[in-house]
Protein backbone atom coordinates (compact mmCIF):
# COMPACT_ATOMS: atom_id res chain seq x y z
CA MET A 1 12.57 2.97 -41.87
CA LYS A 2 13.10 5.47 -39.62
CA TYR A 3 12.31 5.11 -35.90
CA VAL A 4 12.50 7.74 -33.52
CA ILE A 5 12.05 7.17 -29.63
CA ILE A 6 11.39 10.30 -27.29
CA GLY A 7 12.76 9.26 -23.57
CA ALA A 8 15.94 7.14 -22.34
CA SER A 9 14.45 5.23 -19.44
CA ALA A 10 12.72 1.91 -19.23
CA ALA A 11 10.37 2.13 -21.69
CA GLY A 12 12.39 3.86 -24.25
CA VAL A 13 15.82 1.73 -23.82
CA ASN A 14 13.98 -1.67 -23.87
CA GLY A 15 11.96 -0.47 -26.89
CA ALA A 16 14.71 0.63 -28.92
CA GLU A 17 16.52 -2.89 -28.04
CA ASN A 18 13.63 -4.60 -29.36
CA LEU A 19 13.24 -2.37 -32.56
CA ARG A 20 16.76 -3.35 -33.24
CA ARG A 21 16.23 -7.12 -32.70
CA LEU A 22 13.27 -6.91 -34.79
CA ASP A 23 14.60 -4.84 -37.81
CA LYS A 24 18.39 -5.34 -38.41
CA THR A 25 18.72 -2.20 -40.89
CA ALA A 26 16.37 0.49 -39.60
CA GLU A 27 17.73 4.01 -38.66
CA ILE A 28 16.89 4.32 -34.64
CA ILE A 29 17.24 7.57 -32.86
CA MET A 30 16.95 8.00 -29.31
CA ILE A 31 16.07 11.47 -28.03
CA SER A 32 16.49 12.50 -24.21
CA GLU A 33 17.20 15.18 -21.90
CA ASP A 34 19.48 12.78 -20.01
CA SER A 35 23.25 12.45 -20.48
CA HIS A 36 23.18 9.15 -18.48
CA ILE A 37 21.09 5.87 -18.77
CA TYR A 38 20.13 5.03 -15.20
CA SER A 39 17.45 3.35 -13.28
CA ARG A 40 15.05 5.87 -11.75
CA CYS A 41 13.64 3.06 -9.29
CA ILE A 42 17.12 3.31 -7.28
CA LEU A 43 17.77 6.90 -7.44
CA HIS A 44 17.76 6.85 -3.74
CA HIS A 45 20.76 4.58 -3.61
CA TYR A 46 22.71 7.42 -5.34
CA ILE A 47 21.67 9.94 -2.61
CA GLY A 48 22.77 7.53 0.04
CA GLU A 49 25.94 7.15 -1.84
CA ILE A 50 25.30 3.46 -1.88
CA ARG A 51 25.78 3.44 -5.93
CA ASN A 52 27.52 5.69 -7.99
CA ILE A 53 26.14 6.56 -11.74
CA LYS A 54 27.94 3.82 -13.54
CA GLN A 55 26.07 1.45 -10.91
CA LEU A 56 22.71 2.85 -11.67
CA ASN A 57 23.21 2.13 -15.49
CA PHE A 58 20.94 -0.84 -16.72
CA VAL A 59 22.55 -1.23 -20.00
CA SER A 60 26.16 -2.53 -21.02
CA GLU A 61 28.54 0.27 -21.80
CA ASP A 62 28.68 -0.53 -25.74
CA PHE A 63 24.69 -0.87 -25.72
CA PHE A 64 24.03 2.22 -28.35
CA GLU A 65 27.15 1.12 -30.69
CA LYS A 66 26.13 -2.81 -30.34
CA ASN A 67 22.65 -1.87 -31.33
CA ASN A 68 23.36 1.09 -34.02
CA ILE A 69 21.29 3.77 -32.21
CA ASN A 70 21.98 7.33 -32.38
CA TRP A 71 21.11 8.70 -28.91
CA ILE A 72 20.77 12.70 -28.91
CA LYS A 73 21.44 13.61 -25.34
CA ASN A 74 20.71 16.52 -23.57
CA LYS A 75 17.89 17.82 -25.85
CA LYS A 76 14.22 18.21 -25.26
CA VAL A 77 11.40 17.80 -27.80
CA ILE A 78 9.50 21.02 -27.78
CA MET A 79 7.28 20.33 -30.75
CA LEU A 80 5.66 17.92 -33.03
CA ASP A 81 4.10 18.34 -36.39
CA GLU A 82 2.14 14.89 -36.75
CA ASN A 83 1.29 15.54 -40.32
CA ASN A 84 4.69 16.12 -41.73
CA LYS A 85 6.11 13.90 -38.97
CA ILE A 86 8.76 16.35 -37.72
CA LEU A 87 10.10 16.89 -34.12
CA THR A 88 11.69 20.01 -33.08
CA LEU A 89 14.13 20.18 -30.38
CA ASN A 90 15.05 23.00 -27.94
CA ASP A 91 18.10 23.76 -30.16
CA ASN A 92 15.60 24.35 -33.01
CA SER A 93 16.98 21.37 -34.87
CA LYS A 94 14.51 19.27 -36.76
CA ILE A 95 14.26 15.40 -36.79
CA THR A 96 11.88 13.50 -39.12
CA PHE A 97 10.63 10.28 -38.49
CA ASP A 98 8.55 7.55 -40.03
CA LYS A 99 7.35 6.03 -36.73
CA LEU A 100 7.64 7.56 -33.59
CA LEU A 101 7.43 5.89 -29.72
CA ILE A 102 6.75 8.67 -27.18
CA SER A 103 8.16 7.30 -23.92
CA SER A 104 9.11 10.93 -22.56
CA GLY A 105 8.16 9.97 -19.07
CA SER A 106 7.18 12.31 -16.26
CA SER A 107 8.47 15.30 -13.94
CA PRO A 108 7.85 15.92 -10.23
CA PHE A 109 4.33 17.80 -9.60
CA ILE A 110 4.93 20.78 -7.35
CA PRO A 111 1.35 21.44 -5.45
CA PRO A 112 -0.11 25.07 -5.80
CA ILE A 113 0.95 25.56 -2.23
CA GLU A 114 1.71 29.32 -1.34
CA ASN A 115 5.66 30.34 -2.09
CA LEU A 116 6.29 26.53 -2.54
CA ARG A 117 6.99 26.65 -6.40
CA GLY A 118 9.79 28.52 -7.69
CA ALA A 119 11.73 28.53 -4.20
CA GLU A 120 15.25 27.45 -4.97
CA ASN A 121 15.43 25.30 -2.20
CA VAL A 122 12.71 23.02 -3.27
CA VAL A 123 13.56 19.75 -5.12
CA GLY A 124 11.67 17.02 -6.84
CA LEU A 125 13.07 13.52 -7.17
CA LYS A 126 13.07 12.23 -10.78
CA THR A 127 16.36 12.73 -12.28
CA LEU A 128 20.12 12.46 -11.54
CA GLU A 129 19.85 16.29 -11.40
CA ASP A 130 17.43 16.24 -8.87
CA CYS A 131 19.59 13.90 -6.68
CA SER A 132 22.45 15.93 -7.11
CA ALA A 133 20.57 19.20 -5.70
CA ILE A 134 19.19 17.27 -2.82
CA ILE A 135 22.74 15.84 -1.68
CA GLU A 136 24.40 19.62 -2.57
CA LEU A 137 21.90 21.30 -0.43
CA GLY A 138 21.19 18.45 1.81
CA LYS A 139 25.02 18.75 3.28
CA LYS A 140 24.33 22.23 4.00
CA ALA A 141 20.88 21.91 5.57
CA LYS A 142 20.08 22.00 9.07
CA ASN A 143 16.23 20.97 8.77
CA ILE A 144 15.08 18.94 6.00
CA VAL A 145 11.40 18.26 5.08
CA VAL A 146 9.89 15.44 2.54
CA ILE A 147 6.28 16.27 1.50
CA GLY A 148 4.56 13.13 0.52
CA ALA A 149 5.00 9.58 1.87
CA GLY A 150 4.64 7.42 -1.13
CA LEU A 151 7.25 5.42 -2.92
CA ILE A 152 8.94 8.46 -3.97
CA GLY A 153 9.03 10.12 -0.70
CA MET A 154 10.02 6.96 1.12
CA ASP A 155 12.83 6.55 -1.39
CA ALA A 156 13.98 10.11 -0.49
CA ILE A 157 14.05 9.56 3.24
CA SER A 158 15.75 6.19 2.75
CA GLY A 159 18.50 7.77 0.55
CA LEU A 160 18.94 11.04 3.17
CA LEU A 161 19.29 8.66 6.32
CA HIS A 162 21.89 6.42 4.54
CA ASN A 163 24.03 9.53 3.32
CA LYS A 164 26.80 10.21 6.00
CA GLU A 165 27.56 13.50 5.30
CA ILE A 166 23.91 14.65 5.70
CA ASN A 167 23.22 15.27 9.36
CA ALA A 168 19.96 17.26 9.44
CA ASN A 169 16.84 16.97 11.26
CA LEU A 170 14.33 15.06 8.95
CA SER A 171 10.85 15.16 8.57
CA LEU A 172 8.06 13.54 6.67
CA ILE A 173 4.55 14.84 6.05
CA GLU A 174 1.65 13.10 4.50
CA MET A 175 -1.93 13.87 4.35
CA SER A 176 -2.99 10.68 4.68
CA ASN A 177 -3.26 8.58 7.94
CA ARG A 178 -0.41 6.29 6.92
CA LEU A 179 2.69 5.83 4.78
CA LEU A 180 2.34 4.45 1.58
CA PRO A 181 -1.53 4.92 1.26
CA LEU A 182 -1.73 3.74 -2.20
CA GLN A 183 0.34 0.50 -1.39
CA LEU A 184 0.04 -0.49 2.07
CA ASP A 185 -2.80 -0.67 4.74
CA LYS A 186 -2.44 0.69 8.18
CA ILE A 187 -0.76 -2.56 9.69
CA SER A 188 1.86 -3.35 6.93
CA SER A 189 2.60 0.70 7.12
CA LYS A 190 2.92 0.43 10.88
CA ILE A 191 6.33 -1.47 10.64
CA TYR A 192 7.94 1.30 8.33
CA GLU A 193 6.48 4.12 10.59
CA GLU A 194 8.36 2.63 13.56
CA LYS A 195 11.40 2.16 11.71
CA LEU A 196 11.50 5.91 10.77
CA ILE A 197 10.60 6.65 14.13
CA GLU A 198 13.60 4.78 15.61
CA ASN A 199 15.68 6.60 12.92
CA LYS A 200 14.64 10.01 14.52
CA VAL A 201 12.40 11.02 11.40
CA ASN A 202 9.58 13.38 12.51
CA LEU A 203 6.49 12.01 11.08
CA TYR A 204 3.34 14.36 10.57
CA LEU A 205 0.59 12.04 9.21
CA SER A 206 -2.82 13.14 8.48
CA SER A 207 -1.29 16.55 7.85
CA LYS A 208 -1.79 19.14 5.25
CA VAL A 209 0.82 22.14 4.16
CA LEU A 210 -0.88 25.28 3.98
CA LYS A 211 1.98 27.57 3.26
CA ALA A 212 5.58 27.89 2.48
CA ASN A 213 7.24 30.90 4.48
CA LEU A 214 10.06 32.61 3.02
CA ASN A 215 12.94 34.55 4.35
CA ASN A 216 14.52 37.59 3.11
CA GLU A 217 16.84 35.91 0.50
CA ASN A 218 13.78 34.25 -1.23
CA LEU A 219 14.32 30.86 0.27
CA ILE A 220 11.68 28.87 2.41
CA GLU A 221 12.74 28.72 6.04
CA SER A 222 9.48 26.81 7.38
CA LEU A 223 6.25 25.44 6.27
CA THR A 224 2.74 25.93 8.06
CA LEU A 225 0.68 22.99 8.73
CA GLU A 226 -2.89 22.75 9.40
CA GLY A 227 -3.75 23.11 13.08
CA ASP A 228 -1.55 26.28 13.33
CA LEU A 229 1.78 24.13 13.38
CA THR A 230 4.93 25.54 11.74
CA ILE A 231 8.05 23.39 11.11
CA PRO A 232 11.43 24.91 10.14
CA CYS A 233 13.34 23.62 7.03
CA ASP A 234 15.94 24.73 4.72
CA LEU A 235 15.47 22.11 2.08
CA ILE A 236 12.19 20.61 0.83
CA VAL A 237 12.26 17.29 -1.35
CA VAL A 238 8.64 17.45 -3.07
CA ALA A 239 7.40 13.95 -3.64
CA THR A 240 3.10 14.53 -3.93
CA GLY A 241 2.93 13.18 -7.36
CA ILE A 242 3.97 13.32 -11.11
CA LYS A 243 3.07 14.91 -14.34
CA SER A 244 3.37 13.38 -17.82
CA ASN A 245 5.90 15.24 -19.77
CA THR A 246 3.23 16.03 -22.78
CA ASP A 247 3.79 19.74 -23.18
CA PHE A 248 5.02 19.12 -26.77
CA LEU A 249 1.75 17.68 -27.54
CA GLN A 250 -0.31 21.12 -26.83
CA ASN A 251 -1.04 21.98 -30.31
CA THR A 252 -1.47 18.40 -31.82
CA LYS A 253 -4.10 16.35 -32.67
CA VAL A 254 -2.51 13.46 -30.48
CA GLU A 255 -4.99 12.72 -27.79
CA PHE A 256 -4.02 13.05 -24.26
CA ASP A 257 -5.89 14.00 -20.99
CA ARG A 258 -5.09 15.31 -17.40
CA LYS A 259 -3.28 12.33 -16.63
CA GLY A 260 -1.25 11.94 -19.41
CA LEU A 261 -0.76 10.62 -23.02
CA ILE A 262 -3.61 7.92 -24.49
CA PHE A 263 -2.68 4.72 -26.07
CA ASN A 264 -4.35 1.42 -26.23
CA GLU A 265 -3.01 -2.14 -25.51
CA LYS A 266 -0.99 -2.29 -28.70
CA GLY A 267 1.04 1.06 -27.58
CA GLU A 268 -1.04 2.94 -30.44
CA THR A 269 -2.13 6.69 -30.13
CA ASN A 270 -5.02 8.15 -32.04
CA ILE A 271 -2.55 9.37 -34.89
CA LYS A 272 -1.28 6.56 -37.30
CA ASP A 273 2.65 5.67 -36.73
CA ILE A 274 2.53 7.41 -33.20
CA TYR A 275 3.00 5.17 -30.18
CA GLY A 276 3.21 5.54 -26.51
CA ALA A 277 4.63 3.30 -23.51
CA GLY A 278 5.74 4.22 -19.98
CA ASP A 279 5.03 6.96 -17.36
CA VAL A 280 3.78 9.43 -20.10
CA SER A 281 0.60 7.93 -19.64
CA GLY A 282 0.51 9.19 -15.95
CA ARG A 283 -1.35 5.86 -15.04
CA GLY A 284 1.55 5.12 -12.94
CA PRO A 285 3.02 2.24 -14.79
CA ILE A 286 5.83 0.35 -12.55
CA TRP A 287 9.29 -0.21 -14.05
CA SER A 288 8.47 -3.82 -15.33
CA VAL A 289 5.02 -2.65 -16.75
CA ALA A 290 6.98 0.30 -18.56
CA VAL A 291 9.52 -2.16 -20.05
CA LYS A 292 6.82 -4.56 -21.33
CA GLU A 293 4.87 -1.40 -22.89
CA GLY A 294 7.98 -0.22 -24.62
CA ILE A 295 8.62 -3.67 -26.05
CA ILE A 296 4.89 -4.14 -27.04
CA ALA A 297 4.52 -0.76 -28.61
CA THR A 298 7.93 -1.25 -30.59
CA SER A 299 6.70 -4.62 -31.82
CA ASN A 300 3.49 -3.40 -33.41
CA MET A 301 5.61 -0.44 -34.87
CA VAL A 302 7.35 -3.25 -37.08
CA GLY A 303 4.06 -4.82 -37.79
CA ILE A 304 4.29 -7.75 -34.85
CA GLU A 305 0.99 -7.51 -33.30
CA ARG A 306 1.19 -7.86 -29.34
CA VAL A 307 -1.09 -6.58 -26.60
CA MET A 308 -0.82 -6.17 -22.77
CA ASP A 309 -3.25 -8.19 -21.27
CA ASP A 310 -1.68 -9.84 -18.13
CA PHE A 311 -0.30 -7.21 -15.58
CA PHE A 312 -1.16 -5.55 -12.30
CA VAL A 313 -0.61 -1.78 -13.24
CA CYS A 314 -0.56 -1.23 -9.36
CA LYS A 315 2.43 -3.42 -8.55
CA SER A 316 5.11 -2.66 -6.14
CA THR A 317 7.73 -4.35 -4.40
CA MET A 318 9.86 -2.40 -1.70
CA ASN A 319 12.50 -3.16 0.93
CA PHE A 320 12.72 -0.47 3.13
CA PHE A 321 14.97 -1.11 6.26
CA GLY A 322 15.31 -4.51 5.46
CA ILE A 323 11.92 -5.35 5.44
CA PRO A 324 10.49 -6.62 2.05
CA THR A 325 6.93 -5.95 1.01
CA LEU A 326 4.90 -6.81 -2.21
CA SER A 327 1.81 -4.74 -3.03
CA LEU A 328 -0.79 -5.66 -5.69
CA GLY A 329 -3.80 -3.22 -6.37
CA ASP A 330 -4.52 0.13 -5.26
CA GLN A 331 -5.06 -0.36 -1.50
CA SER A 332 -7.68 2.86 -1.05
CA LEU A 333 -9.54 1.75 -4.42
CA TYR A 334 -10.13 -1.92 -3.32
CA GLU A 335 -10.86 -1.41 0.12
CA ASN A 336 -13.95 0.73 -0.59
CA THR A 337 -15.26 -1.68 -3.52
CA GLU A 338 -18.62 -3.20 -2.36
CA GLY A 339 -18.60 -6.98 -1.82
CA ILE A 340 -14.88 -7.09 -1.31
CA ILE A 341 -13.60 -9.94 0.72
CA ILE A 342 -10.64 -9.48 2.67
CA GLU A 343 -8.61 -12.20 4.26
CA ILE A 344 -5.38 -11.95 6.59
CA SER A 345 -2.99 -14.24 7.96
CA GLU A 346 -0.55 -12.99 10.15
CA ASN A 347 2.42 -14.13 12.41
CA GLU A 348 5.60 -13.04 13.71
CA ASN A 349 7.68 -13.43 10.31
CA SER A 350 5.10 -12.39 7.89
CA TYR A 351 1.92 -10.52 7.13
CA LYS A 352 -0.41 -11.56 4.38
CA LYS A 353 -3.75 -9.90 3.14
CA ILE A 354 -5.84 -10.70 -0.10
CA ALA A 355 -8.54 -9.13 -1.40
CA HIS A 356 -11.15 -10.81 -3.84
CA LYS A 357 -14.59 -10.71 -5.09
CA ASP A 358 -16.30 -13.08 -7.31
CA GLY A 359 -13.11 -15.43 -7.33
CA TYR A 360 -11.10 -12.58 -8.88
CA ILE A 361 -8.19 -11.11 -6.86
CA TYR A 362 -8.31 -7.33 -6.75
CA GLY A 363 -5.23 -6.80 -4.30
CA ALA A 364 -2.68 -8.45 -2.22
CA ILE A 365 -0.11 -7.22 0.63
CA ILE A 366 2.88 -9.78 1.57
CA GLN A 367 5.36 -8.27 3.98
CA GLY A 368 8.14 -10.00 5.63
CA ASP A 369 8.51 -13.63 4.12
CA LEU A 370 7.83 -13.25 0.49
CA GLU A 371 7.98 -17.03 -0.40
CA TYR A 372 4.11 -17.03 -0.99
CA THR A 373 4.34 -14.43 -3.76
CA GLY A 374 5.32 -16.83 -6.36
CA VAL A 375 1.81 -18.98 -5.67
CA LEU A 376 -0.05 -15.60 -5.45
CA THR A 377 1.36 -14.68 -8.83
CA GLN A 378 0.34 -18.12 -10.39
CA LEU A 379 -3.17 -17.54 -8.95
CA ILE A 380 -3.41 -14.20 -10.65
CA ARG A 381 -1.52 -15.50 -13.99
CA LEU A 382 -3.52 -18.52 -14.59
CA ASP A 383 -6.71 -16.65 -13.52
CA VAL A 384 -7.34 -19.27 -11.02
CA ASP A 385 -10.96 -18.82 -9.68
CA ILE A 386 -10.03 -18.79 -5.89
CA SER A 387 -13.92 -19.40 -4.84
CA LYS A 388 -13.61 -22.59 -5.64
CA VAL A 389 -10.56 -23.25 -3.38
CA LYS A 390 -11.65 -25.56 -0.86
CA LYS A 391 -8.79 -24.86 1.68
CA SER A 392 -7.39 -21.52 3.22
CA ILE A 393 -6.06 -19.54 0.23
CA PHE A 394 -2.72 -18.93 2.21
CA ASN A 395 -2.13 -22.68 2.40
CA ILE A 396 -2.12 -23.36 -1.52
CA ASP A 397 1.21 -24.69 -2.77
CA TYR A 398 2.87 -25.58 -6.24
CA SER A 399 1.48 -29.12 -6.07
CA ASP A 400 -2.11 -27.68 -6.06
CA PHE A 401 -1.26 -26.71 -9.52
CA PHE A 402 -1.14 -29.99 -10.88
CA HIS A 403 -4.73 -30.86 -10.02
CA LEU A 404 -6.33 -30.58 -13.36
CA ASP A 405 -9.53 -32.19 -14.60
CA ALA A 406 -10.34 -33.18 -17.95
CA ASN A 407 -10.97 -29.53 -19.27
CA CYS A 408 -7.91 -28.17 -17.86
CA GLU A 409 -9.71 -26.58 -14.92
CA PHE A 410 -8.18 -26.31 -11.68
CA GLN A 411 -9.69 -29.01 -8.59
CA TYR A 412 -8.82 -28.55 -4.90
């Protein structure tokens, strides 16, 4: 059996390792544009010079030799012939396969703002090459602007603040009225806003970029925002979203939509022997979910049936400025869900918020003291109907999980 994996990040690498564990004799080939294995979750540590390339690596140095995996580096898949099971790479070489895992990930989305696309001083944040460009340009810049205050935008600002060789004025622009609008509410976002202001970052919330203004060298020198406000910049880091790496599927029968590749809970696409996992779905899977999707897809590739059925896709943990936060669910989505019940517990050390409906937890925010997240995870994992809880949901502890009746149902 010959397995081919496109992509060398969370889903691809863990999928490859799982394939070797399950099939000791198969040929396994991994193809990626990367020349290093690294965690994209901590790229801001590289920008901030907290970690080097070796410290970003999440596998052992002998990973590929130990698992007998042929890694084809610095190559891009440009075409798929699903009928004959052939991949074409950007050097026109051909790779055949028996079964294929598409875990090609995603790339930064540059919004269609006038003059923004194509300028040399505009960079996304998704790869080591992006980080190197940010560092190189950042050391020369006087004014750096990050567009987008989601997780990637906050990572970018965090990395720039940590790099002692970057002394530019920093600005952060966000269309929403708060930082991290998908993960946090206004209360939990506020503490990060205060820390950014403390660090002299200029915040432009509820702001929209209308135009990028070019100088004579075709470089962006300023941005025009709504309200006829213009701010200077000689480096722009765009963190406004991602687009799935599915260009090579354009002329195939493999199904994908505007978000990305479509695959089911087994990782199966609509084409036999072709599977998918990770960020290529465009559904925003977090690292741990991408890992699990890679493992489940490759398990099914070798004939061991497994399904994804026990995770929050929208789950984020962050620790900006030493303030840890856990977010479950899409805040903007469940805040507008009819009949949702919001419960909040707040003190000087922590902020806890749980949104539920009909006994089912839709989402939560825990900030500061994360000790409660263990109990919260159990409530979700064990599908506990919290409408039966007779005490405050924030006072449940592990001892309550021993209160079972004869039918193994929880009692409080």
